Protein backbone atom coordinates (compact mmCIF):
# COMPACT_ATOMS: atom_id res chain seq x y z
CA MET A 1 2.35 24.07 -10.12
CA TYR A 2 2.19 20.25 -9.87
CA ARG A 3 -1.42 20.36 -11.12
CA ASN A 4 0.06 21.01 -14.56
CA PHE A 5 1.25 17.38 -14.56
CA MET A 6 -1.95 15.87 -13.16
CA ASP A 7 -5.23 14.55 -14.60
CA ILE A 8 -7.99 14.02 -12.05
CA LYS A 9 -10.77 11.69 -13.18
CA PRO A 10 -14.05 13.71 -13.32
CA GLU A 11 -15.78 11.35 -10.87
CA VAL A 12 -12.94 11.83 -8.38
CA GLU A 13 -12.79 15.61 -8.83
CA LYS A 14 -16.54 15.89 -8.27
CA ALA A 15 -16.29 13.79 -5.10
CA LEU A 16 -13.44 15.94 -3.75
CA ASP A 17 -15.37 19.13 -4.47
CA GLU A 18 -18.54 17.83 -2.82
CA GLY A 19 -16.91 16.17 0.20
CA THR A 20 -17.77 12.61 -0.84
CA PRO A 21 -15.21 10.17 0.64
CA VAL A 22 -12.38 9.35 -1.75
CA VAL A 23 -9.92 6.48 -1.26
CA ALA A 24 -6.59 6.36 -3.09
CA LEU A 25 -5.28 3.05 -4.44
CA GLU A 26 -1.82 2.14 -5.75
CA SER A 27 -0.95 0.75 -9.18
CA THR A 28 2.22 -1.24 -8.40
CA ILE A 29 -0.02 -4.11 -7.35
CA ILE A 30 -1.47 -4.01 -10.89
CA SER A 31 1.76 -3.72 -12.89
CA HIS A 32 4.22 -5.57 -10.64
CA GLY A 33 2.37 -7.33 -7.82
CA MET A 34 0.07 -9.84 -9.49
CA PRO A 35 -0.11 -11.82 -12.74
CA TYR A 36 -2.64 -11.02 -15.47
CA PRO A 37 -5.68 -11.27 -15.31
CA LYS A 38 -5.72 -11.52 -11.49
CA ASN A 39 -4.29 -8.02 -11.29
CA VAL A 40 -7.19 -6.50 -13.26
CA GLU A 41 -9.83 -8.55 -11.45
CA THR A 42 -8.42 -7.53 -8.07
CA ALA A 43 -8.09 -3.85 -8.96
CA LEU A 44 -11.70 -3.68 -10.13
CA ALA A 45 -12.95 -5.69 -7.13
CA VAL A 46 -11.17 -3.34 -4.70
CA GLU A 47 -12.75 -0.34 -6.42
CA GLU A 48 -16.17 -2.00 -6.11
CA VAL A 49 -15.72 -2.57 -2.36
CA ILE A 50 -15.06 1.14 -1.93
CA ARG A 51 -18.14 2.06 -3.98
CA LYS A 52 -20.32 -0.28 -1.91
CA ASN A 53 -19.24 1.66 1.17
CA GLY A 54 -20.30 4.95 -0.39
CA GLY A 55 -16.83 6.05 -1.44
CA VAL A 56 -15.14 6.90 -4.71
CA PRO A 57 -11.96 4.96 -5.65
CA ALA A 58 -8.97 6.82 -7.09
CA THR A 59 -6.42 4.36 -8.45
CA ILE A 60 -3.21 6.31 -9.09
CA ALA A 61 -0.63 5.78 -11.83
CA ILE A 62 1.49 7.70 -14.34
CA ILE A 63 0.62 7.21 -18.00
CA GLY A 64 2.59 8.99 -20.71
CA GLY A 65 4.10 11.27 -18.10
CA ARG A 66 0.73 12.36 -16.68
CA ILE A 67 -0.16 11.69 -13.04
CA LYS A 68 -3.56 10.01 -13.17
CA ILE A 69 -5.74 10.45 -10.08
CA GLY A 70 -8.34 7.79 -10.81
CA LEU A 71 -8.05 5.30 -13.66
CA THR A 72 -10.71 4.16 -16.10
CA ALA A 73 -11.27 0.43 -16.63
CA ASP A 74 -9.34 0.69 -19.91
CA GLU A 75 -6.43 2.39 -18.15
CA ILE A 76 -6.34 -0.34 -15.49
CA GLU A 77 -6.23 -2.93 -18.30
CA TYR A 78 -3.42 -0.98 -19.94
CA MET A 79 -1.36 -0.82 -16.73
CA ALA A 80 -1.86 -4.56 -16.25
CA LYS A 81 -0.51 -5.43 -19.71
CA ALA A 82 1.94 -2.67 -20.68
CA ASP A 83 5.64 -3.38 -20.95
CA ASN A 84 8.32 -1.16 -19.43
CA VAL A 85 6.14 0.24 -16.66
CA LEU A 86 8.53 1.64 -14.06
CA LYS A 87 8.02 1.46 -10.31
CA VAL A 88 7.65 5.04 -9.13
CA SER A 89 8.67 6.26 -5.70
CA ARG A 90 9.62 9.86 -4.76
CA ARG A 91 12.95 9.85 -6.60
CA ASP A 92 11.37 8.59 -9.84
CA PHE A 93 8.69 11.25 -10.46
CA PRO A 94 10.93 13.79 -12.27
CA LEU A 95 12.34 11.21 -14.69
CA VAL A 96 9.08 9.43 -15.48
CA ILE A 97 7.16 12.68 -15.98
CA SER A 98 9.82 14.58 -17.94
CA GLU A 99 10.41 11.59 -20.24
CA LYS A 100 6.64 10.97 -20.58
CA LEU A 101 6.96 7.36 -19.45
CA ASP A 102 4.52 4.99 -17.78
CA GLY A 103 4.86 4.39 -14.05
CA ALA A 104 3.14 2.30 -11.39
CA THR A 105 3.14 4.12 -8.06
CA THR A 106 4.50 2.39 -4.97
CA VAL A 107 3.14 3.10 -1.50
CA ALA A 108 5.40 6.16 -1.26
CA GLY A 109 4.55 7.29 -4.79
CA THR A 110 0.84 6.91 -4.21
CA MET A 111 1.03 8.85 -0.94
CA ILE A 112 2.71 11.75 -2.74
CA ALA A 113 0.14 11.88 -5.55
CA ALA A 114 -2.81 11.41 -3.17
CA ASN A 115 -1.55 14.28 -1.01
CA MET A 116 -1.19 16.49 -4.09
CA ALA A 117 -4.83 15.78 -4.95
CA GLY A 118 -6.10 16.30 -1.40
CA ILE A 119 -6.97 12.66 -0.69
CA LYS A 120 -6.58 11.74 2.98
CA VAL A 121 -6.96 7.92 2.96
CA PHE A 122 -4.98 5.40 0.93
CA VAL A 123 -5.58 1.63 0.87
CA THR A 124 -2.85 -0.83 -0.05
CA GLY A 125 -1.87 -4.45 0.66
CA GLY A 126 1.21 -4.04 2.83
CA ILE A 127 3.86 -1.37 3.20
CA GLY A 128 7.57 -1.68 2.58
CA GLY A 129 9.93 -1.49 5.51
CA VAL A 130 13.30 -2.46 6.87
CA HIS A 131 14.64 -5.46 4.98
CA ARG A 132 16.06 -8.43 6.83
CA GLY A 133 19.80 -7.90 7.11
CA ALA A 134 19.45 -4.13 6.67
CA GLY A 135 22.23 -3.65 9.23
CA GLU A 136 24.63 -4.57 6.44
CA SER A 137 22.69 -3.64 3.30
CA PHE A 138 21.03 -0.42 4.56
CA ASP A 139 17.98 -1.54 2.55
CA ILE A 140 15.09 0.44 4.00
CA SER A 141 11.97 1.16 1.96
CA ALA A 142 11.21 4.73 0.89
CA ASP A 143 7.66 4.03 2.14
CA LEU A 144 8.90 4.65 5.68
CA GLU A 145 10.48 7.97 4.76
CA GLU A 146 7.23 9.07 3.12
CA LEU A 147 5.24 8.15 6.20
CA LYS A 148 7.45 10.58 8.14
CA MET A 149 6.40 13.61 6.12
CA THR A 150 3.32 13.09 3.94
CA ASP A 151 -0.12 13.68 5.46
CA VAL A 152 -1.94 10.57 4.26
CA ALA A 153 -3.45 7.75 6.35
CA VAL A 154 -2.30 4.38 4.98
CA VAL A 155 -4.60 1.40 5.52
CA CYS A 156 -2.79 -1.92 5.07
CA ALA A 157 -2.34 -5.45 6.43
CA GLY A 158 0.86 -4.46 8.16
CA VAL A 159 4.42 -4.74 6.93
CA LYS A 160 5.11 -7.26 4.16
CA SER A 161 6.19 -10.39 6.02
CA ILE A 162 9.27 -10.80 3.81
CA LEU A 163 10.68 -7.84 5.80
CA ASP A 164 12.00 -7.31 9.34
CA ILE A 165 8.76 -6.39 11.09
CA GLY A 166 10.32 -5.57 14.47
CA ALA A 167 12.94 -3.24 12.97
CA THR A 168 10.26 -1.56 10.85
CA LEU A 169 8.09 -0.86 13.89
CA GLU A 170 11.11 0.59 15.70
CA TYR A 171 11.85 2.82 12.70
CA LEU A 172 8.25 4.07 12.60
CA GLU A 173 8.35 4.84 16.32
CA THR A 174 11.57 6.83 15.93
CA SER A 175 9.99 8.68 12.99
CA GLY A 176 6.95 9.68 15.06
CA VAL A 177 4.45 7.82 12.86
CA PRO A 178 1.30 6.75 14.74
CA VAL A 179 0.70 3.01 14.21
CA ILE A 180 -2.85 1.79 14.83
CA THR A 181 -3.89 -1.85 14.82
CA TYR A 182 -7.52 -2.26 13.84
CA GLY A 183 -9.48 -4.66 16.03
CA ALA A 184 -6.60 -6.82 17.31
CA ASP A 185 -4.03 -6.98 20.10
CA SER A 186 -1.21 -8.15 17.83
CA PHE A 187 0.32 -6.21 14.95
CA PRO A 188 -0.44 -8.24 11.78
CA ALA A 189 2.14 -9.84 9.50
CA PHE A 190 0.47 -9.43 6.09
CA TYR A 191 -0.43 -13.06 5.29
CA SER A 192 -0.86 -13.81 9.00
CA ARG A 193 -2.94 -12.21 11.73
CA GLU A 194 -0.13 -12.21 14.28
CA SER A 195 3.49 -11.17 13.97
CA GLY A 196 4.61 -11.74 17.55
CA PHE A 197 4.68 -7.99 18.16
CA PRO A 198 1.94 -6.47 20.34
CA ALA A 199 -0.30 -3.68 19.09
CA GLU A 200 0.87 -0.46 20.71
CA CYS A 201 -2.43 1.24 19.86
CA ARG A 202 -5.57 -0.82 19.22
CA ILE A 203 -8.69 0.93 17.91
CA ASP A 204 -11.79 -1.03 16.90
CA GLU A 205 -14.07 1.65 15.40
CA PRO A 206 -13.56 3.54 12.10
CA GLU A 207 -15.08 6.69 13.62
CA LYS A 208 -12.44 6.73 16.37
CA ILE A 209 -9.65 6.34 13.82
CA ALA A 210 -11.17 9.19 11.80
CA SER A 211 -11.23 11.31 14.95
CA LEU A 212 -7.53 10.57 15.58
CA ILE A 213 -6.68 11.59 12.00
CA ARG A 214 -8.59 14.87 12.35
CA THR A 215 -6.95 15.59 15.70
CA LYS A 216 -3.47 15.02 14.29
CA ASP A 217 -4.22 17.45 11.45
CA GLN A 218 -5.58 20.06 13.86
CA LEU A 219 -2.42 19.79 15.96
CA GLY A 220 -0.36 20.58 12.89
CA LEU A 221 1.68 17.39 13.18
CA ARG A 222 3.14 16.46 9.81
CA GLY A 223 3.41 12.94 8.42
CA GLY A 224 1.25 9.92 7.81
CA ILE A 225 -0.62 7.44 9.97
CA LEU A 226 -0.38 3.67 9.57
CA ILE A 227 -3.54 1.64 10.12
CA ALA A 228 -2.81 -2.09 10.18
CA CYS A 229 -5.75 -4.45 9.59
CA PRO A 230 -5.28 -8.19 10.22
CA ILE A 231 -6.26 -10.46 7.34
CA PRO A 232 -9.59 -12.24 8.05
CA ALA A 233 -8.98 -15.42 10.08
CA GLU A 234 -10.42 -17.71 7.40
CA ASP A 235 -7.94 -16.38 4.81
CA GLU A 236 -4.68 -16.24 6.77
CA ILE A 237 -1.59 -18.39 6.40
CA ALA A 238 0.03 -19.23 9.74
CA PHE A 239 3.08 -17.09 10.54
CA ASP A 240 5.35 -20.08 11.31
CA LYS A 241 4.51 -21.67 7.96
CA MET A 242 5.11 -18.42 6.05
CA ASP A 243 8.38 -17.74 7.86
CA VAL A 244 9.87 -21.02 6.59
CA VAL A 245 8.80 -20.17 3.04
CA ILE A 246 10.14 -16.61 3.26
CA LYS A 247 13.53 -17.71 4.58
CA LYS A 248 13.85 -20.16 1.68
CA ALA A 249 12.95 -17.41 -0.81
CA LEU A 250 15.46 -15.04 0.83
CA ARG A 251 18.25 -17.61 0.49
CA GLU A 252 17.54 -17.98 -3.23
CA CYS A 253 17.41 -14.20 -3.62
CA GLU A 254 20.85 -13.90 -2.04
CA GLU A 255 22.26 -16.76 -4.11
CA LYS A 256 21.11 -15.08 -7.31
CA GLY A 257 22.51 -11.70 -6.28
CA ILE A 258 19.19 -9.89 -6.60
CA LYS A 259 19.34 -6.39 -5.11
CA GLY A 260 17.50 -3.07 -4.83
CA LYS A 261 13.98 -2.63 -6.15
CA ARG A 262 14.09 -6.12 -7.75
CA ILE A 263 14.09 -7.82 -4.32
CA THR A 264 10.42 -7.42 -3.38
CA PRO A 265 8.90 -8.53 -6.72
CA PHE A 266 11.23 -11.54 -6.78
CA LEU A 267 10.39 -12.57 -3.23
CA LEU A 268 6.64 -12.18 -3.69
CA SER A 269 6.77 -14.27 -6.87
CA LYS A 270 8.92 -16.94 -5.21
CA VAL A 271 6.64 -17.07 -2.16
CA LYS A 272 3.65 -17.54 -4.48
CA ASP A 273 5.39 -20.48 -6.16
CA LEU A 274 6.45 -22.07 -2.86
CA THR A 275 2.92 -21.80 -1.44
CA GLU A 276 1.38 -23.10 -4.69
CA GLY A 277 -0.58 -19.90 -5.15
CA SER A 278 -2.13 -19.68 -1.68
CA SER A 279 -0.12 -16.54 -0.87
CA LEU A 280 -1.60 -14.78 -3.91
CA GLU A 281 -5.15 -15.67 -2.83
CA ALA A 282 -4.39 -14.43 0.69
CA ASN A 283 -3.01 -11.22 -0.80
CA ILE A 284 -6.24 -10.63 -2.69
CA LYS A 285 -8.39 -11.29 0.37
CA LEU A 286 -6.41 -8.95 2.59
CA VAL A 287 -6.53 -6.11 0.05
CA LEU A 288 -10.32 -6.43 -0.19
CA ASN A 289 -10.56 -6.40 3.60
CA ASN A 290 -8.36 -3.31 3.79
CA ALA A 291 -10.52 -1.57 1.18
CA ASP A 292 -13.65 -2.23 3.23
CA ILE A 293 -12.12 -0.77 6.40
CA GLY A 294 -10.40 2.10 4.58
CA ALA A 295 -13.64 3.17 2.90
CA LYS A 296 -15.42 3.20 6.27
CA ILE A 297 -12.67 5.40 7.76
CA ALA A 298 -12.80 7.77 4.77
CA ALA A 299 -16.57 8.06 5.18
CA GLU A 300 -16.16 9.05 8.84
CA ILE A 301 -13.55 11.69 7.96
């Protein structure tokens, strides 16, 4: 039934039919995560990394109420420039589709659409999680709920470091979501290679991660898998330095009364300003690194 609302790019459909590795990509990073033209340049560069690894990229968005599984270059440009593009998580699909609106899919939204299309691997920058102070605000990202129940492997640089990383890892454990750290003994903190939390499961080879994914499917265990890839050492920003910046941004966020889905875009923008743009460059580098690893895992699957 949901196929009635979906347009699969011919290149992606052919790859799915023939068993060529396909990697899903989100569109929130295009519409809400980066300024123009960096957003377009990054989106196209990530797609190119996947192609160089023998895969087919499928950037996902909603345009005019249609779920797009794979965007053209013109559609990426459109998503980068269009006004009134909504952030789409699970709760937003019915509204955006029925009203024929434009929507940029979050991690949760992209997982849903990728699963509908039969795509097993999804590459993003970082996932949402438990917000700092969630004990009072109850602010927990829908990304974590989606990881509980949607059968997609999410390749990222860990939890966004503006969040409570420890609480997020506890939540994922309670939810039964396997968390793999790729090639490191410490769970990464997005801009930084180390978060202070040890890797519960370290795997260094894409083929072994692919084997784990296949085994989970064969066991009939529902839900996603999180694969956390530390940012390359030459591109990281030290955790202690970023923590000072993030706490300053959080104070301003609280002072201005910013709440709900506006929090993350505000914090990311403020962090970029406070780091004089270095956080944006680190963000780009980590996404490209994730795409390289994600494409290798998809190829092994």
